[in-house]
Amino acid sequence: MLDDNHTDDNYNDPEHDDRVWSVRQAAEFLSRSPRTVRRWRQQGRIPCVVDPGGHLRFRAGSLRKMVREAEEMREEAKKEAKKKK
């Protein structure tokens, strides 16, 4: 479960959540497959760090920010589409 290691401090500002997630955890959060997460990383579409063991790690706050920004862009596109009607 993604919330196993959280503290209340992490949730005061979700975008500054400094936990790191594995590919599987990132995929779960994004509702995508691990394969998609790896592909997005290769394409530079998703922020990622590589730990000393060579494993991909995703900062929870960065993923939350990415999701928020994508949602804002979708909302803006919807507004623009309505204006054109």
C-alpha atoms as a PDB file:
ATOM      1  CA  MET A   1       0.000   0.000   0.000  1.00  0.00           C
ATOM      2  CA  LEU A   2       1.296   3.443  -0.859  1.00  0.00           C
ATOM      3  CA  ASP A   3       0.497   4.974   2.497  1.00  0.00           C
ATOM      4  CA  ASP A   4       2.450   2.533   4.664  1.00  0.00           C
ATOM      5  CA  ASN A   5       5.312   4.942   5.369  1.00  0.00           C
ATOM      6  CA  HIS A   6       3.508   8.258   5.495  1.00  0.00           C
ATOM      7  CA  THR A   7       3.639  10.750   8.298  1.00  0.00           C
ATOM      8  CA  ASP A   8       1.229  13.584   8.888  1.00  0.00           C
ATOM      9  CA  ASP A   9       3.974  16.020   7.841  1.00  0.00           C
ATOM     10  CA  ASN A  10       4.067  14.445   4.377  1.00  0.00           C
ATOM     11  CA  TYR A  11       0.397  15.181   3.836  1.00  0.00           C
ATOM     12  CA  ASN A  12       0.425  18.852   4.833  1.00  0.00           C
ATOM     13  CA  ASP A  13       1.809  19.627   1.376  1.00  0.00           C
ATOM     14  CA  PRO A  14       1.447  16.587  -0.883  1.00  0.00           C
ATOM     15  CA  GLU A  15       3.740  17.995  -3.568  1.00  0.00           C
ATOM     16  CA  HIS A  16       6.608  18.128  -1.065  1.00  0.00           C
ATOM     17  CA  ASP A  17       6.168  14.502  -0.083  1.00  0.00           C
ATOM     18  CA  ASP A  18       9.766  13.247  -0.141  1.00  0.00           C
ATOM     19  CA  ARG A  19       8.993   9.533  -0.086  1.00  0.00           C
ATOM     20  CA  VAL A  20      10.310   7.524  -3.009  1.00  0.00           C
ATOM     21  CA  TRP A  21       8.274   4.877  -4.752  1.00  0.00           C
ATOM     22  CA  SER A  22       9.217   1.879  -6.833  1.00  0.00           C
ATOM     23  CA  VAL A  23       8.018   1.437 -10.412  1.00  0.00           C
ATOM     24  CA  ARG A  24       5.152  -0.700  -9.121  1.00  0.00           C
ATOM     25  CA  GLN A  25       4.096   1.886  -6.546  1.00  0.00           C
ATOM     26  CA  ALA A  26       4.319   4.726  -9.073  1.00  0.00           C
ATOM     27  CA  ALA A  27       2.256   2.689 -11.537  1.00  0.00           C
ATOM     28  CA  GLU A  28      -0.357   2.024  -8.865  1.00  0.00           C
ATOM     29  CA  PHE A  29      -0.570   5.717  -7.989  1.00  0.00           C
ATOM     30  CA  LEU A  30      -0.870   6.710 -11.655  1.00  0.00           C
ATOM     31  CA  SER A  31      -3.318   3.888 -12.473  1.00  0.00           C
ATOM     32  CA  ARG A  32      -0.996   2.678 -15.209  1.00  0.00           C
ATOM     33  CA  SER A  33       1.064  -0.442 -15.777  1.00  0.00           C
ATOM     34  CA  PRO A  34       4.700  -0.655 -14.681  1.00  0.00           C
ATOM     35  CA  ARG A  35       5.598  -1.006 -18.357  1.00  0.00           C
ATOM     36  CA  THR A  36       3.945   2.346 -19.117  1.00  0.00           C
ATOM     37  CA  VAL A  37       5.774   4.013 -16.233  1.00  0.00           C
ATOM     38  CA  ARG A  38       9.107   2.694 -17.511  1.00  0.00           C
ATOM     39  CA  ARG A  39       8.288   3.876 -21.046  1.00  0.00           C
ATOM     40  CA  TRP A  40       7.325   7.350 -19.785  1.00  0.00           C
ATOM     41  CA  ARG A  41      10.623   7.481 -17.889  1.00  0.00           C
ATOM     42  CA  GLN A  42      12.566   6.583 -21.050  1.00  0.00           C
ATOM     43  CA  GLN A  43      10.668   9.289 -22.945  1.00  0.00           C
ATOM     44  CA  GLY A  44      11.457  11.850 -20.241  1.00  0.00           C
ATOM     45  CA  ARG A  45       7.773  12.325 -19.452  1.00  0.00           C
ATOM     46  CA  ILE A  46       8.056  11.351 -15.792  1.00  0.00           C
ATOM     47  CA  PRO A  47      10.642  12.474 -13.210  1.00  0.00           C
ATOM     48  CA  CYS A  48      12.783   9.668 -11.855  1.00  0.00           C
ATOM     49  CA  VAL A  49      15.960   8.948  -9.932  1.00  0.00           C
ATOM     50  CA  VAL A  50      18.083   5.825 -10.021  1.00  0.00           C
ATOM     51  CA  ASP A  51      19.201   4.463  -6.658  1.00  0.00           C
ATOM     52  CA  PRO A  52      22.720   3.085  -6.069  1.00  0.00           C
ATOM     53  CA  GLY A  53      21.449  -0.416  -6.865  1.00  0.00           C
ATOM     54  CA  GLY A  54      20.240   0.743 -10.300  1.00  0.00           C
ATOM     55  CA  HIS A  55      16.535   0.660  -9.414  1.00  0.00           C
ATOM     56  CA  LEU A  56      14.183   3.358 -10.646  1.00  0.00           C
ATOM     57  CA  ARG A  57      12.684   5.487  -7.888  1.00  0.00           C
ATOM     58  CA  PHE A  58       9.953   8.090  -8.215  1.00  0.00           C
ATOM     59  CA  ARG A  59       9.468  10.902  -5.726  1.00  0.00           C
ATOM     60  CA  ALA A  60       5.862  10.910  -4.529  1.00  0.00           C
ATOM     61  CA  GLY A  61       5.684  14.712  -4.472  1.00  0.00           C
ATOM     62  CA  SER A  62       6.918  14.966  -8.059  1.00  0.00           C
ATOM     63  CA  LEU A  63       4.304  12.491  -9.240  1.00  0.00           C
ATOM     64  CA  ARG A  64       1.564  14.310  -7.339  1.00  0.00           C
ATOM     65  CA  LYS A  65       2.642  17.590  -8.951  1.00  0.00           C
ATOM     66  CA  MET A  66       2.705  15.972 -12.394  1.00  0.00           C
ATOM     67  CA  VAL A  67      -0.834  14.647 -11.914  1.00  0.00           C
ATOM     68  CA  ARG A  68      -2.098  18.015 -10.639  1.00  0.00           C
ATOM     69  CA  GLU A  69      -0.584  19.850 -13.614  1.00  0.00           C
ATOM     70  CA  ALA A  70      -2.082  17.347 -16.069  1.00  0.00           C
ATOM     71  CA  GLU A  71      -5.502  17.783 -14.454  1.00  0.00           C
ATOM     72  CA  GLU A  72      -5.187  21.567 -14.689  1.00  0.00           C
ATOM     73  CA  MET A  73      -4.282  21.311 -18.380  1.00  0.00           C
ATOM     74  CA  ARG A  74      -7.311  19.073 -19.036  1.00  0.00           C
ATOM     75  CA  GLU A  75      -9.610  21.527 -17.255  1.00  0.00           C
ATOM     76  CA  GLU A  76      -8.186  24.447 -19.234  1.00  0.00           C
ATOM     77  CA  ALA A  77      -8.673  22.534 -22.500  1.00  0.00           C
ATOM     78  CA  LYS A  78     -12.292  21.837 -21.546  1.00  0.00           C
ATOM     79  CA  LYS A  79     -12.883  25.532 -20.861  1.00  0.00           C
ATOM     80  CA  GLU A  80     -11.341  26.505 -24.191  1.00  0.00           C
ATOM     81  CA  ALA A  81     -13.469  23.933 -26.022  1.00  0.00           C
ATOM     82  CA  LYS A  82     -16.634  25.340 -24.424  1.00  0.00           C
ATOM     83  CA  LYS A  83     -15.699  28.871 -25.500  1.00  0.00           C
ATOM     84  CA  LYS A  84     -15.448  27.731 -29.119  1.00  0.00           C
ATOM     85  CA  LYS A  85     -18.979  26.319 -29.158  1.00  0.00           C
END
